[in-house]
Amino acid sequence: MKNYSDRGVATKETPFEVAEASDVVITMLPSPSHVSCDRLFPLHLEGVLDVYNGSHGLLHGGSHIRPWLLIDSSTIDPQTSRELSAVVSSCVLKEKRGSWESPVMLDAPVSGGVLAADARTLTFMVGGLEEAYHAAKALFLAMGKGSVYCGGAGNGSRSNNETLEKSLGKTQTKTEAATVAAAVDISMEKLLQRI
């Protein structure tokens, strides 16, 4: 953090402090145990910061929180996304935002990986309230090349997981084809022509 604050970037020590200073919070965490709300999910890793509902988590303020929109871009399971959305929706905004009295959660995992993040070519697969998706669309375009609305809470995570499974399946198929090609001493191109 010091590296950023030395450059003039405003920093905060805890997720709660970030929430208190923000209208929108975007998280991208490595696993459900980092995302989870302790009243719903046990933490599997001792000492891991519970970003949403830990002792200094985004929702630490109890039922009244400042951010009107929370976007989670973690690659997690759809059920965790739906349950997290329900917890966020049960909170109340400190200040009403348009017609919203409760904060809104979008699950918006990305495809493209680190290289796409560096090149700002990520694609967001978004689940949650459609009105919130449209309100957040400019944020997605600032971070990537596009976004796709996938339906209600958890559907962004579901779509992303299905995309990952298909990609892994293609990789496995290519690996198996390469193994067969090497075993029978023919080129991949010729093998694929024969299939």
N, C-alpha and C. Protein backbone atom coordinates (compact mmCIF):
# COMPACT_ATOMS: atom_id res chain seq x y z
N MET A 1 0.81 -1.19 0.00
CA MET A 1 0.00 0.00 0.00
C MET A 1 0.86 1.27 0.00
N LYS A 2 1.97 1.19 0.72
CA LYS A 2 2.83 2.36 0.81
C LYS A 2 3.32 2.80 -0.56
N ASN A 3 3.60 1.83 -1.41
CA ASN A 3 4.04 2.13 -2.77
C ASN A 3 3.02 3.02 -3.48
N TYR A 4 1.73 2.72 -3.29
CA TYR A 4 0.67 3.51 -3.93
C TYR A 4 0.49 4.86 -3.24
N SER A 5 0.48 4.85 -1.91
CA SER A 5 0.28 6.12 -1.20
C SER A 5 1.43 7.09 -1.45
N ASP A 6 2.65 6.55 -1.63
CA ASP A 6 3.79 7.41 -1.96
C ASP A 6 3.62 8.09 -3.33
N ARG A 7 2.80 7.50 -4.18
CA ARG A 7 2.52 8.07 -5.51
C ARG A 7 1.28 8.96 -5.51
N GLY A 8 0.70 9.17 -4.33
CA GLY A 8 -0.45 10.05 -4.24
C GLY A 8 -1.81 9.38 -4.38
N VAL A 9 -1.80 8.05 -4.42
CA VAL A 9 -3.06 7.31 -4.51
C VAL A 9 -3.65 7.18 -3.11
N ALA A 10 -4.94 7.49 -2.98
CA ALA A 10 -5.60 7.35 -1.68
C ALA A 10 -5.70 5.86 -1.35
N THR A 11 -5.26 5.49 -0.17
CA THR A 11 -5.31 4.09 0.25
C THR A 11 -6.06 3.98 1.58
N LYS A 12 -6.54 2.80 1.84
CA LYS A 12 -7.23 2.49 3.10
C LYS A 12 -6.63 1.21 3.64
N GLU A 13 -6.72 1.04 4.95
CA GLU A 13 -6.11 -0.12 5.59
C GLU A 13 -7.00 -1.36 5.58
N THR A 14 -8.32 -1.18 5.55
CA THR A 14 -9.23 -2.33 5.63
C THR A 14 -10.33 -2.22 4.57
N PRO A 15 -10.95 -3.34 4.24
CA PRO A 15 -12.09 -3.28 3.32
C PRO A 15 -13.21 -2.37 3.85
N PHE A 16 -13.44 -2.37 5.16
CA PHE A 16 -14.47 -1.50 5.74
C PHE A 16 -14.17 -0.03 5.46
N GLU A 17 -12.91 0.37 5.61
CA GLU A 17 -12.53 1.75 5.34
C GLU A 17 -12.74 2.09 3.86
N VAL A 18 -12.48 1.11 2.99
CA VAL A 18 -12.73 1.30 1.55
C VAL A 18 -14.22 1.53 1.34
N ALA A 19 -15.06 0.69 1.96
CA ALA A 19 -16.51 0.81 1.81
C ALA A 19 -17.01 2.16 2.30
N GLU A 20 -16.49 2.62 3.39
CA GLU A 20 -16.94 3.91 3.96
C GLU A 20 -16.57 5.08 3.07
N ALA A 21 -15.60 4.91 2.20
CA ALA A 21 -15.15 6.00 1.33
C ALA A 21 -15.61 5.82 -0.12
N SER A 22 -16.48 4.83 -0.38
CA SER A 22 -16.80 4.47 -1.77
C SER A 22 -18.29 4.34 -2.01
N ASP A 23 -18.69 4.70 -3.22
CA ASP A 23 -20.07 4.45 -3.67
C ASP A 23 -20.17 3.09 -4.34
N VAL A 24 -19.07 2.66 -4.98
CA VAL A 24 -19.01 1.37 -5.67
C VAL A 24 -17.73 0.67 -5.22
N VAL A 25 -17.84 -0.62 -4.93
CA VAL A 25 -16.67 -1.41 -4.56
C VAL A 25 -16.60 -2.62 -5.50
N ILE A 26 -15.43 -2.85 -6.08
CA ILE A 26 -15.20 -3.99 -6.96
C ILE A 26 -14.15 -4.89 -6.30
N THR A 27 -14.48 -6.16 -6.17
CA THR A 27 -13.53 -7.13 -5.62
C THR A 27 -13.24 -8.19 -6.67
N MET A 28 -12.02 -8.71 -6.60
CA MET A 28 -11.62 -9.84 -7.46
C MET A 28 -10.67 -10.67 -6.62
N LEU A 29 -11.22 -11.73 -6.03
CA LEU A 29 -10.49 -12.52 -5.05
C LEU A 29 -10.24 -13.93 -5.57
N PRO A 30 -9.22 -14.63 -5.03
CA PRO A 30 -8.82 -15.92 -5.59
C PRO A 30 -9.71 -17.11 -5.29
N SER A 31 -10.57 -17.06 -4.25
CA SER A 31 -11.39 -18.23 -3.94
C SER A 31 -12.59 -17.84 -3.08
N PRO A 32 -13.60 -18.73 -2.99
CA PRO A 32 -14.77 -18.43 -2.16
C PRO A 32 -14.43 -18.16 -0.71
N SER A 33 -13.39 -18.80 -0.18
CA SER A 33 -13.06 -18.57 1.23
C SER A 33 -12.61 -17.13 1.48
N HIS A 34 -12.09 -16.46 0.46
CA HIS A 34 -11.72 -15.06 0.60
C HIS A 34 -12.94 -14.16 0.52
N VAL A 35 -13.94 -14.59 -0.23
CA VAL A 35 -15.14 -13.79 -0.48
C VAL A 35 -16.16 -13.98 0.62
N SER A 36 -16.22 -15.16 1.20
CA SER A 36 -17.35 -15.62 1.99
C SER A 36 -17.74 -14.73 3.17
N CYS A 37 -18.99 -14.82 3.51
CA CYS A 37 -19.55 -14.14 4.67
C CYS A 37 -19.53 -15.13 5.82
N ASP A 38 -18.90 -14.78 6.93
CA ASP A 38 -18.71 -15.77 7.99
C ASP A 38 -20.02 -16.28 8.58
N ARG A 39 -21.10 -15.54 8.42
CA ARG A 39 -22.35 -16.08 8.96
C ARG A 39 -22.96 -17.11 8.01
N LEU A 40 -22.40 -17.27 6.83
CA LEU A 40 -22.89 -18.26 5.87
C LEU A 40 -21.90 -19.37 5.60
N PHE A 41 -20.63 -19.04 5.50
CA PHE A 41 -19.63 -20.01 5.06
C PHE A 41 -18.48 -20.05 6.05
N PRO A 42 -17.99 -21.24 6.38
CA PRO A 42 -16.79 -21.29 7.23
C PRO A 42 -15.57 -20.96 6.39
N LEU A 43 -14.62 -20.29 6.99
CA LEU A 43 -13.35 -20.04 6.28
C LEU A 43 -12.52 -21.30 6.35
N HIS A 44 -11.97 -21.72 5.25
CA HIS A 44 -11.17 -22.93 5.19
C HIS A 44 -9.69 -22.62 5.39
N LEU A 45 -9.33 -21.37 5.29
CA LEU A 45 -7.93 -21.00 5.44
C LEU A 45 -7.78 -20.09 6.65
N GLU A 46 -7.09 -20.57 7.67
CA GLU A 46 -6.93 -19.78 8.87
C GLU A 46 -6.18 -18.49 8.56
N GLY A 47 -6.66 -17.38 9.11
CA GLY A 47 -6.00 -16.10 8.94
C GLY A 47 -6.34 -15.38 7.65
N VAL A 48 -7.17 -15.96 6.79
CA VAL A 48 -7.54 -15.29 5.54
C VAL A 48 -8.52 -14.17 5.85
N LEU A 49 -8.27 -13.02 5.27
CA LEU A 49 -9.16 -11.88 5.48
C LEU A 49 -10.50 -12.15 4.83
N ASP A 50 -11.55 -12.07 5.61
CA ASP A 50 -12.90 -12.24 5.08
C ASP A 50 -13.34 -10.87 4.58
N VAL A 51 -13.19 -10.64 3.31
CA VAL A 51 -13.34 -9.31 2.72
C VAL A 51 -14.74 -8.72 2.90
N TYR A 52 -15.74 -9.55 2.85
CA TYR A 52 -17.10 -9.01 2.96
C TYR A 52 -17.60 -8.88 4.40
N ASN A 53 -17.47 -9.91 5.20
CA ASN A 53 -18.09 -9.86 6.52
C ASN A 53 -17.13 -10.14 7.66
N GLY A 54 -15.87 -10.00 7.43
CA GLY A 54 -14.89 -10.19 8.49
C GLY A 54 -14.95 -9.03 9.48
N SER A 55 -14.11 -9.06 10.46
CA SER A 55 -14.16 -8.04 11.51
C SER A 55 -13.90 -6.63 10.96
N HIS A 56 -13.26 -6.52 9.80
CA HIS A 56 -13.05 -5.22 9.15
C HIS A 56 -13.48 -5.30 7.69
N GLY A 57 -14.47 -6.19 7.41
CA GLY A 57 -14.93 -6.41 6.05
C GLY A 57 -15.82 -5.31 5.52
N LEU A 58 -16.14 -5.41 4.25
CA LEU A 58 -16.95 -4.39 3.58
C LEU A 58 -18.30 -4.17 4.26
N LEU A 59 -18.87 -5.24 4.82
CA LEU A 59 -20.19 -5.15 5.46
C LEU A 59 -20.11 -5.00 6.97
N HIS A 60 -18.94 -4.68 7.47
CA HIS A 60 -18.72 -4.57 8.91
C HIS A 60 -19.64 -3.53 9.56
N GLY A 61 -20.09 -2.57 8.80
CA GLY A 61 -20.95 -1.52 9.34
C GLY A 61 -22.32 -2.03 9.75
N GLY A 62 -22.53 -3.32 9.66
CA GLY A 62 -23.83 -3.88 10.04
C GLY A 62 -24.81 -3.70 8.92
N SER A 63 -26.01 -3.35 9.28
CA SER A 63 -27.06 -3.29 8.27
C SER A 63 -27.01 -1.99 7.45
N HIS A 64 -26.28 -0.97 7.88
CA HIS A 64 -26.22 0.31 7.16
C HIS A 64 -24.83 0.49 6.54
N ILE A 65 -24.78 0.46 5.20
CA ILE A 65 -23.49 0.60 4.52
C ILE A 65 -23.57 1.72 3.49
N ARG A 66 -22.41 2.23 3.12
CA ARG A 66 -22.37 3.33 2.16
C ARG A 66 -22.45 2.90 0.69
N PRO A 67 -21.63 1.91 0.24
CA PRO A 67 -21.63 1.62 -1.20
C PRO A 67 -23.01 1.14 -1.67
N TRP A 68 -23.48 1.72 -2.75
CA TRP A 68 -24.77 1.29 -3.30
C TRP A 68 -24.61 0.09 -4.22
N LEU A 69 -23.37 -0.11 -4.72
CA LEU A 69 -23.11 -1.20 -5.64
C LEU A 69 -21.83 -1.92 -5.26
N LEU A 70 -21.93 -3.24 -5.12
CA LEU A 70 -20.77 -4.08 -4.88
C LEU A 70 -20.69 -5.05 -6.05
N ILE A 71 -19.53 -5.12 -6.68
CA ILE A 71 -19.31 -5.99 -7.83
C ILE A 71 -18.22 -6.98 -7.45
N ASP A 72 -18.54 -8.27 -7.51
CA ASP A 72 -17.53 -9.27 -7.23
C ASP A 72 -17.14 -9.96 -8.53
N SER A 73 -15.89 -9.79 -8.91
CA SER A 73 -15.37 -10.38 -10.15
C SER A 73 -14.51 -11.61 -9.88
N SER A 74 -14.67 -12.20 -8.71
CA SER A 74 -13.95 -13.43 -8.38
C SER A 74 -14.51 -14.60 -9.18
N THR A 75 -13.67 -15.60 -9.42
CA THR A 75 -14.13 -16.83 -10.05
C THR A 75 -14.55 -17.77 -8.93
N ILE A 76 -15.84 -17.73 -8.61
CA ILE A 76 -16.38 -18.55 -7.53
C ILE A 76 -17.64 -19.26 -8.02
N ASP A 77 -18.17 -20.15 -7.19
CA ASP A 77 -19.34 -20.91 -7.59
C ASP A 77 -20.60 -20.05 -7.54
N PRO A 78 -21.59 -20.38 -8.38
CA PRO A 78 -22.82 -19.60 -8.45
C PRO A 78 -23.58 -19.53 -7.11
N GLN A 79 -23.57 -20.62 -6.35
CA GLN A 79 -24.30 -20.61 -5.07
C GLN A 79 -23.71 -19.59 -4.11
N THR A 80 -22.38 -19.51 -4.04
CA THR A 80 -21.74 -18.50 -3.19
C THR A 80 -22.13 -17.11 -3.66
N SER A 81 -22.15 -16.89 -4.97
CA SER A 81 -22.56 -15.58 -5.51
C SER A 81 -23.99 -15.23 -5.12
N ARG A 82 -24.89 -16.21 -5.24
CA ARG A 82 -26.30 -15.96 -4.88
C ARG A 82 -26.45 -15.65 -3.40
N GLU A 83 -25.76 -16.41 -2.56
CA GLU A 83 -25.86 -16.20 -1.11
C GLU A 83 -25.25 -14.86 -0.70
N LEU A 84 -24.14 -14.51 -1.32
CA LEU A 84 -23.52 -13.21 -1.04
C LEU A 84 -24.45 -12.08 -1.47
N SER A 85 -25.08 -12.23 -2.61
CA SER A 85 -26.03 -11.23 -3.10
C SER A 85 -27.18 -11.05 -2.11
N ALA A 86 -27.67 -12.15 -1.56
CA ALA A 86 -28.77 -12.08 -0.58
C ALA A 86 -28.34 -11.34 0.69
N VAL A 87 -27.10 -11.60 1.15
CA VAL A 87 -26.61 -10.91 2.34
C VAL A 87 -26.48 -9.42 2.07
N VAL A 88 -25.91 -9.06 0.92
CA VAL A 88 -25.76 -7.64 0.58
C VAL A 88 -27.12 -6.97 0.48
N SER A 89 -28.08 -7.64 -0.16
CA SER A 89 -29.42 -7.07 -0.32
C SER A 89 -30.16 -6.89 1.00
N SER A 90 -29.74 -7.64 2.03
CA SER A 90 -30.40 -7.50 3.33
C SER A 90 -29.90 -6.28 4.10
N CYS A 91 -28.85 -5.65 3.60
CA CYS A 91 -28.34 -4.43 4.23
C CYS A 91 -29.19 -3.23 3.77
N VAL A 92 -28.98 -2.11 4.42
CA VAL A 92 -29.67 -0.87 4.07
C VAL A 92 -28.60 0.17 3.76
N LEU A 93 -28.88 0.99 2.75
CA LEU A 93 -27.94 2.06 2.41
C LEU A 93 -28.01 3.17 3.44
N LYS A 94 -26.85 3.73 3.76
CA LYS A 94 -26.83 4.89 4.66
C LYS A 94 -27.61 6.05 4.04
N GLU A 95 -27.46 6.20 2.72
CA GLU A 95 -28.20 7.22 1.98
C GLU A 95 -28.85 6.56 0.78
N LYS A 96 -30.14 6.77 0.62
CA LYS A 96 -30.88 6.19 -0.50
C LYS A 96 -30.24 6.63 -1.81
N ARG A 97 -30.16 5.70 -2.76
CA ARG A 97 -29.56 5.98 -4.07
C ARG A 97 -30.64 5.78 -5.14
N GLY A 98 -31.18 6.87 -5.66
CA GLY A 98 -32.28 6.76 -6.62
C GLY A 98 -33.43 6.00 -5.99
N SER A 99 -33.87 4.95 -6.64
CA SER A 99 -34.96 4.14 -6.10
C SER A 99 -34.46 3.03 -5.18
N TRP A 100 -33.14 2.91 -5.03
CA TRP A 100 -32.57 1.85 -4.20
C TRP A 100 -32.41 2.27 -2.76
N GLU A 101 -32.96 1.46 -1.87
CA GLU A 101 -32.77 1.66 -0.44
C GLU A 101 -31.78 0.65 0.11
N SER A 102 -31.57 -0.42 -0.67
CA SER A 102 -30.63 -1.48 -0.29
C SER A 102 -29.50 -1.51 -1.31
N PRO A 103 -28.30 -1.88 -0.87
CA PRO A 103 -27.20 -2.01 -1.84
C PRO A 103 -27.47 -3.17 -2.79
N VAL A 104 -26.80 -3.12 -3.93
CA VAL A 104 -26.98 -4.13 -4.98
C VAL A 104 -25.65 -4.83 -5.21
N MET A 105 -25.74 -6.14 -5.43
CA MET A 105 -24.56 -6.96 -5.70
C MET A 105 -24.64 -7.50 -7.11
N LEU A 106 -23.54 -7.40 -7.84
CA LEU A 106 -23.42 -8.04 -9.15
C LEU A 106 -22.27 -9.03 -9.08
N ASP A 107 -22.49 -10.26 -9.57
CA ASP A 107 -21.37 -11.18 -9.74
C ASP A 107 -20.92 -10.99 -11.19
N ALA A 108 -19.64 -10.67 -11.36
CA ALA A 108 -19.14 -10.31 -12.69
C ALA A 108 -17.75 -10.86 -12.93
N PRO A 109 -17.61 -12.20 -12.93
CA PRO A 109 -16.29 -12.76 -13.21
C PRO A 109 -15.84 -12.42 -14.63
N VAL A 110 -14.57 -12.56 -14.87
CA VAL A 110 -13.98 -12.16 -16.15
C VAL A 110 -13.40 -13.34 -16.90
N SER A 111 -13.30 -13.17 -18.21
CA SER A 111 -12.54 -14.12 -19.02
C SER A 111 -11.40 -13.34 -19.64
N GLY A 112 -10.29 -14.01 -19.79
CA GLY A 112 -9.16 -13.35 -20.43
C GLY A 112 -7.87 -13.42 -19.64
N GLY A 113 -7.94 -13.53 -18.33
CA GLY A 113 -6.74 -13.68 -17.52
C GLY A 113 -5.92 -12.41 -17.38
N VAL A 114 -4.71 -12.61 -16.87
CA VAL A 114 -3.81 -11.49 -16.54
C VAL A 114 -3.43 -10.68 -17.79
N LEU A 115 -3.14 -11.36 -18.88
CA LEU A 115 -2.77 -10.64 -20.10
C LEU A 115 -3.89 -9.75 -20.59
N ALA A 116 -5.12 -10.26 -20.53
CA ALA A 116 -6.28 -9.45 -20.94
C ALA A 116 -6.50 -8.29 -19.98
N ALA A 117 -6.24 -8.51 -18.70
CA ALA A 117 -6.38 -7.42 -17.73
C ALA A 117 -5.38 -6.31 -18.04
N ASP A 118 -4.14 -6.70 -18.32
CA ASP A 118 -3.12 -5.71 -18.67
C ASP A 118 -3.48 -4.94 -19.94
N ALA A 119 -4.08 -5.64 -20.89
CA ALA A 119 -4.44 -5.02 -22.18
C ALA A 119 -5.83 -4.40 -22.17
N ARG A 120 -6.52 -4.49 -21.03
CA ARG A 120 -7.91 -3.99 -20.89
C ARG A 120 -8.83 -4.62 -21.94
N THR A 121 -8.69 -5.94 -22.12
CA THR A 121 -9.55 -6.65 -23.07
C THR A 121 -10.38 -7.73 -22.37
N LEU A 122 -10.57 -7.59 -21.06
CA LEU A 122 -11.39 -8.54 -20.31
C LEU A 122 -12.83 -8.50 -20.80
N THR A 123 -13.52 -9.62 -20.64
CA THR A 123 -14.96 -9.67 -20.86
C THR A 123 -15.59 -10.06 -19.54
N PHE A 124 -16.58 -9.29 -19.10
CA PHE A 124 -17.28 -9.55 -17.85
C PHE A 124 -18.58 -10.29 -18.13
N MET A 125 -18.82 -11.37 -17.40
CA MET A 125 -20.09 -12.10 -17.47
C MET A 125 -20.84 -11.75 -16.19
N VAL A 126 -21.96 -11.04 -16.32
CA VAL A 126 -22.58 -10.38 -15.18
C VAL A 126 -23.92 -10.99 -14.80
N GLY A 127 -24.06 -11.28 -13.50
CA GLY A 127 -25.32 -11.74 -12.94
C GLY A 127 -25.79 -10.77 -11.89
N GLY A 128 -27.09 -10.64 -11.75
CA GLY A 128 -27.66 -9.75 -10.74
C GLY A 128 -28.79 -8.92 -11.34
N LEU A 129 -29.16 -7.90 -10.64
CA LEU A 129 -30.25 -7.03 -11.07
C LEU A 129 -29.88 -6.33 -12.38
N GLU A 130 -30.72 -6.47 -13.40
CA GLU A 130 -30.40 -5.93 -14.72
C GLU A 130 -30.23 -4.41 -14.70
N GLU A 131 -31.03 -3.73 -13.91
CA GLU A 131 -30.92 -2.27 -13.81
C GLU A 131 -29.53 -1.87 -13.27
N ALA A 132 -29.03 -2.64 -12.31
CA ALA A 132 -27.69 -2.37 -11.77
C ALA A 132 -26.62 -2.66 -12.81
N TYR A 133 -26.83 -3.72 -13.61
CA TYR A 133 -25.89 -4.03 -14.69
C TYR A 133 -25.76 -2.84 -15.64
N HIS A 134 -26.89 -2.28 -16.05
CA HIS A 134 -26.85 -1.14 -16.97
C HIS A 134 -26.18 0.07 -16.32
N ALA A 135 -26.40 0.26 -15.03
CA ALA A 135 -25.76 1.37 -14.31
C ALA A 135 -24.25 1.18 -14.23
N ALA A 136 -23.80 -0.07 -14.19
CA ALA A 136 -22.37 -0.37 -14.03
C ALA A 136 -21.65 -0.60 -15.35
N LYS A 137 -22.36 -0.59 -16.45
CA LYS A 137 -21.77 -0.95 -17.74
C LYS A 137 -20.53 -0.10 -18.08
N ALA A 138 -20.56 1.18 -17.78
CA ALA A 138 -19.40 2.04 -18.06
C ALA A 138 -18.17 1.60 -17.28
N LEU A 139 -18.37 1.08 -16.07
CA LEU A 139 -17.24 0.58 -15.28
C LEU A 139 -16.62 -0.64 -15.96
N PHE A 140 -17.47 -1.53 -16.44
CA PHE A 140 -16.96 -2.72 -17.13
C PHE A 140 -16.18 -2.33 -18.39
N LEU A 141 -16.69 -1.36 -19.12
CA LEU A 141 -16.00 -0.92 -20.34
C LEU A 141 -14.69 -0.20 -20.03
N ALA A 142 -14.59 0.42 -18.86
CA ALA A 142 -13.33 1.08 -18.47
C ALA A 142 -12.25 0.04 -18.15
N MET A 143 -12.68 -1.17 -17.76
CA MET A 143 -11.72 -2.20 -17.37
C MET A 143 -11.51 -3.27 -18.44
N GLY A 144 -12.40 -3.34 -19.42
CA GLY A 144 -12.30 -4.40 -20.40
C GLY A 144 -12.95 -4.02 -21.71
N LYS A 145 -13.07 -5.01 -22.58
CA LYS A 145 -13.63 -4.74 -23.91
C LYS A 145 -15.13 -4.90 -23.96
N GLY A 146 -15.71 -5.53 -22.94
CA GLY A 146 -17.14 -5.69 -22.98
C GLY A 146 -17.69 -6.45 -21.80
N SER A 147 -19.01 -6.55 -21.79
CA SER A 147 -19.70 -7.29 -20.75
C SER A 147 -20.95 -7.92 -21.34
N VAL A 148 -21.38 -8.99 -20.70
CA VAL A 148 -22.57 -9.70 -21.13
C VAL A 148 -23.47 -9.89 -19.92
N TYR A 149 -24.73 -9.47 -20.02
CA TYR A 149 -25.67 -9.68 -18.93
C TYR A 149 -26.19 -11.11 -19.03
N CYS A 150 -26.05 -11.88 -17.95
CA CYS A 150 -26.38 -13.31 -17.96
C CYS A 150 -27.63 -13.66 -17.17
N GLY A 151 -28.27 -12.67 -16.55
CA GLY A 151 -29.47 -12.95 -15.78
C GLY A 151 -29.26 -12.66 -14.30
N GLY A 152 -30.07 -13.29 -13.45
CA GLY A 152 -30.09 -13.02 -12.02
C GLY A 152 -28.80 -13.37 -11.30
N ALA A 153 -28.82 -13.14 -10.00
CA ALA A 153 -27.66 -13.38 -9.14
C ALA A 153 -27.13 -14.80 -9.32
N GLY A 154 -25.82 -14.92 -9.45
CA GLY A 154 -25.15 -16.21 -9.63
C GLY A 154 -24.98 -16.62 -11.08
N ASN A 155 -25.72 -15.99 -11.99
CA ASN A 155 -25.64 -16.40 -13.40
C ASN A 155 -24.36 -15.95 -14.08
N GLY A 156 -23.75 -14.87 -13.62
CA GLY A 156 -22.45 -14.47 -14.15
C GLY A 156 -21.41 -15.52 -13.79
N SER A 157 -21.43 -15.95 -12.52
CA SER A 157 -20.50 -17.00 -12.07
C SER A 157 -20.75 -18.31 -12.80
N ARG A 158 -22.02 -18.67 -12.97
CA ARG A 158 -22.35 -19.91 -13.69
C ARG A 158 -21.84 -19.86 -15.13
N SER A 159 -22.09 -18.75 -15.81
CA SER A 159 -21.64 -18.61 -17.20
C SER A 159 -20.12 -18.67 -17.30
N ASN A 160 -19.45 -18.01 -16.38
CA ASN A 160 -17.99 -18.02 -16.38
C ASN A 160 -17.46 -19.44 -16.13
N ASN A 161 -18.05 -20.15 -15.17
CA ASN A 161 -17.59 -21.51 -14.88
C ASN A 161 -17.82 -22.43 -16.07
N GLU A 162 -18.95 -22.27 -16.76
CA GLU A 162 -19.21 -23.08 -17.95
C GLU A 162 -18.20 -22.77 -19.05
N THR A 163 -17.86 -21.51 -19.21
CA THR A 163 -16.87 -21.11 -20.20
C THR A 163 -15.51 -21.72 -19.87
N LEU A 164 -15.13 -21.69 -18.59
CA LEU A 164 -13.86 -22.28 -18.17
C LEU A 164 -13.84 -23.79 -18.43
N GLU A 165 -14.95 -24.46 -18.11
CA GLU A 165 -15.02 -25.91 -18.33
C GLU A 165 -14.86 -26.25 -19.81
N LYS A 166 -15.52 -25.49 -20.68
CA LYS A 166 -15.39 -25.74 -22.12
C LYS A 166 -13.96 -25.51 -22.59
N SER A 167 -13.34 -24.44 -22.08
CA SER A 167 -11.96 -24.14 -22.45
C SER A 167 -11.02 -25.24 -22.00
N LEU A 168 -11.21 -25.72 -20.76
CA LEU A 168 -10.37 -26.81 -20.25
C LEU A 168 -10.59 -28.08 -21.06
N GLY A 169 -11.84 -28.33 -21.45
CA GLY A 169 -12.14 -29.50 -22.27
C GLY A 169 -11.43 -29.45 -23.60
N LYS A 170 -11.40 -28.27 -24.24
CA LYS A 170 -10.69 -28.12 -25.52
C LYS A 170 -9.20 -28.33 -25.33
N THR A 171 -8.66 -27.81 -24.24
CA THR A 171 -7.23 -27.98 -23.96
C THR A 171 -6.91 -29.45 -23.75
N GLN A 172 -7.77 -30.15 -23.00
CA GLN A 172 -7.54 -31.57 -22.77
C GLN A 172 -7.61 -32.34 -24.08
N THR A 173 -8.57 -32.02 -24.93
CA THR A 173 -8.71 -32.69 -26.23
C THR A 173 -7.46 -32.47 -27.07
N LYS A 174 -6.95 -31.23 -27.10
CA LYS A 174 -5.73 -30.95 -27.88
C LYS A 174 -4.54 -31.71 -27.32
N THR A 175 -4.45 -31.79 -25.99
CA THR A 175 -3.35 -32.52 -25.36
C THR A 175 -3.42 -34.00 -25.70
N GLU A 176 -4.62 -34.57 -25.63
CA GLU A 176 -4.78 -35.98 -25.97
C GLU A 176 -4.47 -36.22 -27.45
N ALA A 177 -4.91 -35.32 -28.32
CA ALA A 177 -4.61 -35.47 -29.75
C ALA A 177 -3.12 -35.39 -30.00
N ALA A 178 -2.43 -34.51 -29.32
CA ALA A 178 -0.98 -34.40 -29.48
C ALA A 178 -0.29 -35.68 -29.02
N THR A 179 -0.78 -36.29 -27.95
CA THR A 179 -0.22 -37.54 -27.45
C THR A 179 -0.41 -38.66 -28.47
N VAL A 180 -1.62 -38.74 -29.04
CA VAL A 180 -1.90 -39.76 -30.06
C VAL A 180 -1.02 -39.54 -31.28
N ALA A 181 -0.93 -38.27 -31.72
CA ALA A 181 -0.12 -37.96 -32.90
C ALA A 181 1.33 -38.38 -32.68
N ALA A 182 1.85 -38.09 -31.50
CA ALA A 182 3.24 -38.47 -31.21
C ALA A 182 3.39 -39.98 -31.15
N ALA A 183 2.40 -40.67 -30.61
CA ALA A 183 2.47 -42.13 -30.47
C ALA A 183 2.44 -42.84 -31.82
N VAL A 184 1.69 -42.28 -32.76
CA VAL A 184 1.61 -42.93 -34.08
C VAL A 184 2.48 -42.25 -35.11
N ASP A 185 3.28 -41.29 -34.65
CA ASP A 185 4.27 -40.61 -35.48
C ASP A 185 3.68 -39.92 -36.72
N ILE A 186 2.61 -39.16 -36.50
CA ILE A 186 2.07 -38.31 -37.57
C ILE A 186 1.90 -36.90 -37.02
N SER A 187 1.79 -35.94 -37.90
CA SER A 187 1.64 -34.56 -37.46
C SER A 187 0.23 -34.34 -36.91
N MET A 188 0.08 -33.35 -36.06
CA MET A 188 -1.23 -32.98 -35.51
C MET A 188 -2.17 -32.63 -36.65
N GLU A 189 -1.67 -31.91 -37.64
CA GLU A 189 -2.50 -31.49 -38.77
C GLU A 189 -3.12 -32.70 -39.47
N LYS A 190 -2.28 -33.69 -39.74
CA LYS A 190 -2.78 -34.90 -40.41
C LYS A 190 -3.76 -35.65 -39.53
N LEU A 191 -3.47 -35.74 -38.24
CA LEU A 191 -4.36 -36.43 -37.32
C LEU A 191 -5.74 -35.75 -37.30
N LEU A 192 -5.74 -34.44 -37.21
CA LEU A 192 -7.00 -33.71 -37.16
C LEU A 192 -7.78 -33.84 -38.47
N GLN A 193 -7.08 -33.98 -39.59
CA GLN A 193 -7.75 -34.19 -40.88
C GLN A 193 -8.44 -35.55 -40.91
N ARG A 194 -7.85 -36.54 -40.23
CA ARG A 194 -8.40 -37.90 -40.25
C ARG A 194 -9.56 -38.06 -39.27
N ILE A 195 -9.66 -37.19 -38.29
CA ILE A 195 -10.72 -37.33 -37.28
C ILE A 195 -12.04 -36.86 -37.83
